[in-house]
PDB file of all heavy atoms in Angstrom:
ATOM      1  N   ALA A   1      -0.969 -22.629 -15.426  1.00  0.00           N
ATOM      2  CA  ALA A   1      -0.145 -23.355 -16.395  1.00  0.00           C
ATOM      3  C   ALA A   1      -0.430 -22.952 -17.840  1.00  0.00           C
ATOM      4  O   ALA A   1       0.309 -23.336 -18.751  1.00  0.00           O
ATOM      5  CB  ALA A   1      -0.358 -24.853 -16.225  1.00  0.00           C
ATOM      6  N   LEU A   2      -1.486 -22.175 -18.058  1.00  0.00           N
ATOM      7  CA  LEU A   2      -1.801 -21.741 -19.424  1.00  0.00           C
ATOM      8  C   LEU A   2      -0.682 -20.820 -19.935  1.00  0.00           C
ATOM      9  O   LEU A   2      -0.241 -19.915 -19.225  1.00  0.00           O
ATOM     10  CB  LEU A   2      -3.135 -20.996 -19.458  1.00  0.00           C
ATOM     11  CG  LEU A   2      -4.398 -21.809 -19.153  1.00  0.00           C
ATOM     12  CD1 LEU A   2      -5.602 -20.872 -19.055  1.00  0.00           C
ATOM     13  CD2 LEU A   2      -4.631 -22.867 -20.232  1.00  0.00           C
ATOM     14  N   PRO A   3      -0.235 -21.013 -21.175  1.00  0.00           N
ATOM     15  CA  PRO A   3       0.825 -20.150 -21.707  1.00  0.00           C
ATOM     16  C   PRO A   3       0.384 -18.698 -21.886  1.00  0.00           C
ATOM     17  O   PRO A   3       1.205 -17.783 -21.842  1.00  0.00           O
ATOM     18  CB  PRO A   3       1.168 -20.808 -23.049  1.00  0.00           C
ATOM     19  CG  PRO A   3      -0.022 -21.631 -23.402  1.00  0.00           C
ATOM     20  CD  PRO A   3      -0.605 -22.087 -22.104  1.00  0.00           C
ATOM     21  N   ARG A   4      -0.917 -18.482 -22.114  1.00  0.00           N
ATOM     22  CA  ARG A   4      -1.470 -17.140 -22.247  1.00  0.00           C
ATOM     23  C   ARG A   4      -2.720 -17.055 -21.380  1.00  0.00           C
ATOM     24  O   ARG A   4      -3.560 -17.958 -21.412  1.00  0.00           O
ATOM     25  CB  ARG A   4      -1.841 -16.819 -23.699  1.00  0.00           C
ATOM     26  CG  ARG A   4      -0.659 -16.855 -24.657  1.00  0.00           C
ATOM     27  CD  ARG A   4       0.228 -15.632 -24.483  1.00  0.00           C
ATOM     28  NE  ARG A   4       1.290 -15.605 -25.483  1.00  0.00           N
ATOM     29  CZ  ARG A   4       2.464 -16.211 -25.357  1.00  0.00           C
ATOM     30  NH1 ARG A   4       2.726 -16.912 -24.264  1.00  0.00           N
ATOM     31  NH2 ARG A   4       3.370 -16.143 -26.314  1.00  0.00           N
ATOM     32  N   THR A   5      -2.859 -16.006 -20.609  1.00  0.00           N
ATOM     33  CA  THR A   5      -3.998 -15.887 -19.706  1.00  0.00           C
ATOM     34  C   THR A   5      -4.924 -14.748 -20.121  1.00  0.00           C
ATOM     35  O   THR A   5      -4.616 -13.986 -21.039  1.00  0.00           O
ATOM     36  CB  THR A   5      -3.520 -15.675 -18.258  1.00  0.00           C
ATOM     37  OG1 THR A   5      -2.703 -14.497 -18.215  1.00  0.00           O
ATOM     38  CG2 THR A   5      -2.726 -16.874 -17.772  1.00  0.00           C
ATOM     39  N   ALA A   6      -6.032 -14.641 -19.408  1.00  0.00           N
ATOM     40  CA  ALA A   6      -7.082 -13.699 -19.796  1.00  0.00           C
ATOM     41  C   ALA A   6      -6.626 -12.250 -19.785  1.00  0.00           C
ATOM     42  O   ALA A   6      -7.158 -11.425 -20.543  1.00  0.00           O
ATOM     43  CB  ALA A   6      -8.290 -13.873 -18.878  1.00  0.00           C
ATOM     44  N   GLN A   7      -5.643 -11.900 -18.960  1.00  0.00           N
ATOM     45  CA  GLN A   7      -5.218 -10.500 -18.887  1.00  0.00           C
ATOM     46  C   GLN A   7      -4.584 -10.025 -20.201  1.00  0.00           C
ATOM     47  O   GLN A   7      -4.442  -8.824 -20.431  1.00  0.00           O
ATOM     48  CB  GLN A   7      -4.225 -10.299 -17.751  1.00  0.00           C
ATOM     49  CG  GLN A   7      -2.855 -10.929 -17.965  1.00  0.00           C
ATOM     50  CD  GLN A   7      -1.894 -10.608 -16.837  1.00  0.00           C
ATOM     51  OE1 GLN A   7      -2.288  -9.988 -15.837  1.00  0.00           O
ATOM     52  NE2 GLN A   7      -0.652 -11.008 -16.972  1.00  0.00           N
ATOM     53  N   GLU A   8      -4.228 -10.971 -21.059  1.00  0.00           N
ATOM     54  CA  GLU A   8      -3.622 -10.610 -22.340  1.00  0.00           C
ATOM     55  C   GLU A   8      -4.663 -10.337 -23.421  1.00  0.00           C
ATOM     56  O   GLU A   8      -4.309 -10.012 -24.558  1.00  0.00           O
ATOM     57  CB  GLU A   8      -2.653 -11.709 -22.778  1.00  0.00           C
ATOM     58  CG  GLU A   8      -1.480 -11.875 -21.809  1.00  0.00           C
ATOM     59  CD  GLU A   8      -0.569 -13.031 -22.177  1.00  0.00           C
ATOM     60  OE1 GLU A   8       0.008 -12.973 -23.274  1.00  0.00           O
ATOM     61  OE2 GLU A   8      -0.431 -13.961 -21.365  1.00  0.00           O
ATOM     62  N   CYS A   9      -5.938 -10.479 -23.082  1.00  0.00           N
ATOM     63  CA  CYS A   9      -6.999 -10.175 -24.039  1.00  0.00           C
ATOM     64  C   CYS A   9      -6.994  -8.679 -24.354  1.00  0.00           C
ATOM     65  O   CYS A   9      -6.986  -7.844 -23.445  1.00  0.00           O
ATOM     66  CB  CYS A   9      -8.357 -10.569 -23.466  1.00  0.00           C
ATOM     67  SG  CYS A   9      -9.773 -10.094 -24.485  1.00  0.00           S
ATOM     68  N   VAL A  10      -7.013  -8.328 -25.645  1.00  0.00           N
ATOM     69  CA  VAL A  10      -7.006  -6.925 -26.073  1.00  0.00           C
ATOM     70  C   VAL A  10      -8.391  -6.453 -26.509  1.00  0.00           C
ATOM     71  O   VAL A  10      -8.551  -5.325 -26.973  1.00  0.00           O
ATOM     72  CB  VAL A  10      -5.986  -6.697 -27.209  1.00  0.00           C
ATOM     73  CG1 VAL A  10      -4.574  -6.969 -26.713  1.00  0.00           C
ATOM     74  CG2 VAL A  10      -6.316  -7.571 -28.420  1.00  0.00           C
ATOM     75  N   GLY A  11      -9.382  -7.367 -26.364  1.00  0.00           N
ATOM     76  CA  GLY A  11     -10.748  -6.979 -26.693  1.00  0.00           C
ATOM     77  C   GLY A  11     -10.991  -6.743 -28.168  1.00  0.00           C
ATOM     78  O   GLY A  11     -11.851  -5.939 -28.542  1.00  0.00           O
ATOM     79  N   CYS A  12     -10.261  -7.465 -29.028  1.00  0.00           N
ATOM     80  CA  CYS A  12     -10.425  -7.264 -30.477  1.00  0.00           C
ATOM     81  C   CYS A  12     -11.760  -7.781 -30.992  1.00  0.00           C
ATOM     82  O   CYS A  12     -12.245  -7.345 -32.037  1.00  0.00           O
ATOM     83  CB  CYS A  12      -9.268  -7.909 -31.235  1.00  0.00           C
ATOM     84  SG  CYS A  12      -9.265  -9.728 -31.188  1.00  0.00           S
ATOM     85  N   GLY A  13     -12.348  -8.754 -30.277  1.00  0.00           N
ATOM     86  CA  GLY A  13     -13.664  -9.261 -30.660  1.00  0.00           C
ATOM     87  C   GLY A  13     -13.661 -10.316 -31.750  1.00  0.00           C
ATOM     88  O   GLY A  13     -14.734 -10.753 -32.189  1.00  0.00           O
ATOM     89  N   ALA A  14     -12.480 -10.753 -32.190  1.00  0.00           N
ATOM     90  CA  ALA A  14     -12.427 -11.775 -33.239  1.00  0.00           C
ATOM     91  C   ALA A  14     -13.142 -13.047 -32.793  1.00  0.00           C
ATOM     92  O   ALA A  14     -13.837 -13.702 -33.577  1.00  0.00           O
ATOM     93  CB  ALA A  14     -10.976 -12.087 -33.585  1.00  0.00           C
ATOM     94  N   CYS A  15     -12.983 -13.417 -31.528  1.00  0.00           N
ATOM     95  CA  CYS A  15     -13.622 -14.621 -30.989  1.00  0.00           C
ATOM     96  C   CYS A  15     -15.138 -14.502 -30.994  1.00  0.00           C
ATOM     97  O   CYS A  15     -15.857 -15.437 -31.343  1.00  0.00           O
ATOM     98  CB  CYS A  15     -13.112 -14.893 -29.583  1.00  0.00           C
ATOM     99  SG  CYS A  15     -13.161 -13.447 -28.502  1.00  0.00           S
ATOM    100  N   GLU A  16     -15.634 -13.350 -30.604  1.00  0.00           N
ATOM    101  CA  GLU A  16     -17.084 -13.155 -30.524  1.00  0.00           C
ATOM    102  C   GLU A  16     -17.729 -13.226 -31.902  1.00  0.00           C
ATOM    103  O   GLU A  16     -18.856 -13.697 -32.036  1.00  0.00           O
ATOM    104  CB  GLU A  16     -17.401 -11.819 -29.848  1.00  0.00           C
ATOM    105  CG  GLU A  16     -17.036 -11.796 -28.362  1.00  0.00           C
ATOM    106  CD  GLU A  16     -17.575 -10.567 -27.643  1.00  0.00           C
ATOM    107  OE1 GLU A  16     -18.116  -9.662 -28.316  1.00  0.00           O
ATOM    108  OE2 GLU A  16     -17.447 -10.514 -26.401  1.00  0.00           O
ATOM    109  N   LYS A  17     -17.012 -12.775 -32.911  1.00  0.00           N
ATOM    110  CA  LYS A  17     -17.560 -12.825 -34.268  1.00  0.00           C
ATOM    111  C   LYS A  17     -17.693 -14.263 -34.760  1.00  0.00           C
ATOM    112  O   LYS A  17     -18.564 -14.562 -35.578  1.00  0.00           O
ATOM    113  CB  LYS A  17     -16.657 -12.038 -35.218  1.00  0.00           C
ATOM    114  CG  LYS A  17     -16.665 -10.530 -34.970  1.00  0.00           C
ATOM    115  CD  LYS A  17     -15.654  -9.826 -35.843  1.00  0.00           C
ATOM    116  CE  LYS A  17     -15.601  -8.330 -35.527  1.00  0.00           C
ATOM    117  NZ  LYS A  17     -14.547  -7.621 -36.302  1.00  0.00           N
ATOM    118  N   ARG A  18     -16.832 -15.148 -34.252  1.00  0.00           N
ATOM    119  CA  ARG A  18     -16.865 -16.541 -34.702  1.00  0.00           C
ATOM    120  C   ARG A  18     -17.770 -17.424 -33.851  1.00  0.00           C
ATOM    121  O   ARG A  18     -18.073 -18.552 -34.237  1.00  0.00           O
ATOM    122  CB  ARG A  18     -15.443 -17.124 -34.683  1.00  0.00           C
ATOM    123  CG  ARG A  18     -14.527 -16.592 -35.773  1.00  0.00           C
ATOM    124  CD  ARG A  18     -13.249 -17.413 -35.855  1.00  0.00           C
ATOM    125  NE  ARG A  18     -12.438 -17.285 -34.654  1.00  0.00           N
ATOM    126  CZ  ARG A  18     -11.450 -16.408 -34.521  1.00  0.00           C
ATOM    127  NH1 ARG A  18     -11.168 -15.572 -35.513  1.00  0.00           N
ATOM    128  NH2 ARG A  18     -10.750 -16.354 -33.403  1.00  0.00           N
ATOM    129  N   CYS A  19     -18.177 -16.962 -32.693  1.00  0.00           N
ATOM    130  CA  CYS A  19     -18.954 -17.795 -31.768  1.00  0.00           C
ATOM    131  C   CYS A  19     -20.370 -18.025 -32.283  1.00  0.00           C
ATOM    132  O   CYS A  19     -21.136 -17.066 -32.436  1.00  0.00           O
ATOM    133  CB  CYS A  19     -19.014 -17.146 -30.384  1.00  0.00           C
ATOM    134  SG  CYS A  19     -19.966 -18.123 -29.201  1.00  0.00           S
ATOM    135  N   PRO A  20     -20.770 -19.281 -32.534  1.00  0.00           N
ATOM    136  CA  PRO A  20     -22.129 -19.558 -33.029  1.00  0.00           C
ATOM    137  C   PRO A  20     -23.209 -19.249 -31.999  1.00  0.00           C
ATOM    138  O   PRO A  20     -24.379 -19.139 -32.350  1.00  0.00           O
ATOM    139  CB  PRO A  20     -22.091 -21.065 -33.336  1.00  0.00           C
ATOM    140  CG  PRO A  20     -20.651 -21.441 -33.378  1.00  0.00           C
ATOM    141  CD  PRO A  20     -19.974 -20.506 -32.424  1.00  0.00           C
ATOM    142  N   PHE A  21     -22.794 -19.117 -30.712  1.00  0.00           N
ATOM    143  CA  PHE A  21     -23.780 -18.951 -29.638  1.00  0.00           C
ATOM    144  C   PHE A  21     -23.757 -17.542 -29.043  1.00  0.00           C
ATOM    145  O   PHE A  21     -24.399 -17.288 -28.028  1.00  0.00           O
ATOM    146  CB  PHE A  21     -23.533 -20.006 -28.559  1.00  0.00           C
ATOM    147  CG  PHE A  21     -23.467 -21.395 -29.117  1.00  0.00           C
ATOM    148  CD1 PHE A  21     -22.255 -22.075 -29.188  1.00  0.00           C
ATOM    149  CD2 PHE A  21     -24.596 -22.013 -29.615  1.00  0.00           C
ATOM    150  CE1 PHE A  21     -22.179 -23.347 -29.730  1.00  0.00           C
ATOM    151  CE2 PHE A  21     -24.542 -23.284 -30.162  1.00  0.00           C
ATOM    152  CZ  PHE A  21     -23.333 -23.953 -30.221  1.00  0.00           C
ATOM    153  N   HIS A  22     -23.005 -16.649 -29.684  1.00  0.00           N
ATOM    154  CA  HIS A  22     -22.964 -15.234 -29.298  1.00  0.00           C
ATOM    155  C   HIS A  22     -22.618 -15.035 -27.817  1.00  0.00           C
ATOM    156  O   HIS A  22     -23.251 -14.262 -27.097  1.00  0.00           O
ATOM    157  CB  HIS A  22     -24.300 -14.548 -29.641  1.00  0.00           C
ATOM    158  CG  HIS A  22     -24.712 -14.758 -31.069  1.00  0.00           C
ATOM    159  ND1 HIS A  22     -25.786 -15.552 -31.432  1.00  0.00           N
ATOM    160  CD2 HIS A  22     -24.170 -14.312 -32.220  1.00  0.00           C
ATOM    161  CE1 HIS A  22     -25.895 -15.563 -32.740  1.00  0.00           C
ATOM    162  NE2 HIS A  22     -24.925 -14.818 -33.255  1.00  0.00           N
ATOM    163  N   VAL A  23     -21.588 -15.758 -27.376  1.00  0.00           N
ATOM    164  CA  VAL A  23     -21.112 -15.637 -26.002  1.00  0.00           C
ATOM    165  C   VAL A  23     -20.372 -14.310 -25.842  1.00  0.00           C
ATOM    166  O   VAL A  23     -19.629 -13.888 -26.736  1.00  0.00           O
ATOM    167  CB  VAL A  23     -20.191 -16.815 -25.640  1.00  0.00           C
ATOM    168  CG1 VAL A  23     -19.547 -16.624 -24.274  1.00  0.00           C
ATOM    169  CG2 VAL A  23     -20.973 -18.123 -25.686  1.00  0.00           C
ATOM    170  N   ALA A  24     -20.550 -13.661 -24.675  1.00  0.00           N
ATOM    171  CA  ALA A  24     -19.842 -12.414 -24.372  1.00  0.00           C
ATOM    172  C   ALA A  24     -18.419 -12.750 -23.927  1.00  0.00           C
ATOM    173  O   ALA A  24     -18.066 -12.675 -22.740  1.00  0.00           O
ATOM    174  CB  ALA A  24     -20.588 -11.627 -23.300  1.00  0.00           C
ATOM    175  N   VAL A  25     -17.578 -13.111 -24.887  1.00  0.00           N
ATOM    176  CA  VAL A  25     -16.238 -13.606 -24.581  1.00  0.00           C
ATOM    177  C   VAL A  25     -15.375 -12.535 -23.918  1.00  0.00           C
ATOM    178  O   VAL A  25     -14.655 -12.802 -22.952  1.00  0.00           O
ATOM    179  CB  VAL A  25     -15.550 -14.131 -25.856  1.00  0.00           C
ATOM    180  CG1 VAL A  25     -14.139 -14.633 -25.520  1.00  0.00           C
ATOM    181  CG2 VAL A  25     -16.363 -15.243 -26.494  1.00  0.00           C
ATOM    182  N   ILE A  26     -15.431 -11.315 -24.432  1.00  0.00           N
ATOM    183  CA  ILE A  26     -14.590 -10.249 -23.885  1.00  0.00           C
ATOM    184  C   ILE A  26     -14.902 -10.016 -22.411  1.00  0.00           C
ATOM    185  O   ILE A  26     -13.997  -9.863 -21.576  1.00  0.00           O
ATOM    186  CB  ILE A  26     -14.768  -8.948 -24.688  1.00  0.00           C
ATOM    187  CG1 ILE A  26     -14.288  -9.152 -26.130  1.00  0.00           C
ATOM    188  CG2 ILE A  26     -14.016  -7.792 -24.039  1.00  0.00           C
ATOM    189  CD1 ILE A  26     -14.590  -7.971 -27.048  1.00  0.00           C
ATOM    190  N   GLU A  27     -16.179 -10.046 -22.058  1.00  0.00           N
ATOM    191  CA  GLU A  27     -16.573  -9.885 -20.655  1.00  0.00           C
ATOM    192  C   GLU A  27     -16.085 -11.062 -19.827  1.00  0.00           C
ATOM    193  O   GLU A  27     -15.628 -10.895 -18.687  1.00  0.00           O
ATOM    194  CB  GLU A  27     -18.091  -9.752 -20.555  1.00  0.00           C
ATOM    195  CG  GLU A  27     -18.648  -9.732 -19.125  1.00  0.00           C
ATOM    196  CD  GLU A  27     -18.109  -8.596 -18.263  1.00  0.00           C
ATOM    197  OE1 GLU A  27     -17.565  -7.612 -18.808  1.00  0.00           O
ATOM    198  OE2 GLU A  27     -18.218  -8.702 -17.030  1.00  0.00           O
TER     199      GLU A  27
END
């Protein structure tokens, strides 16, 4: 039901730069 799913990730890394806990979001 999510409007956008994980396959649409382009690996830009913007999320990882903002994560205070350094989660491997792209992985």
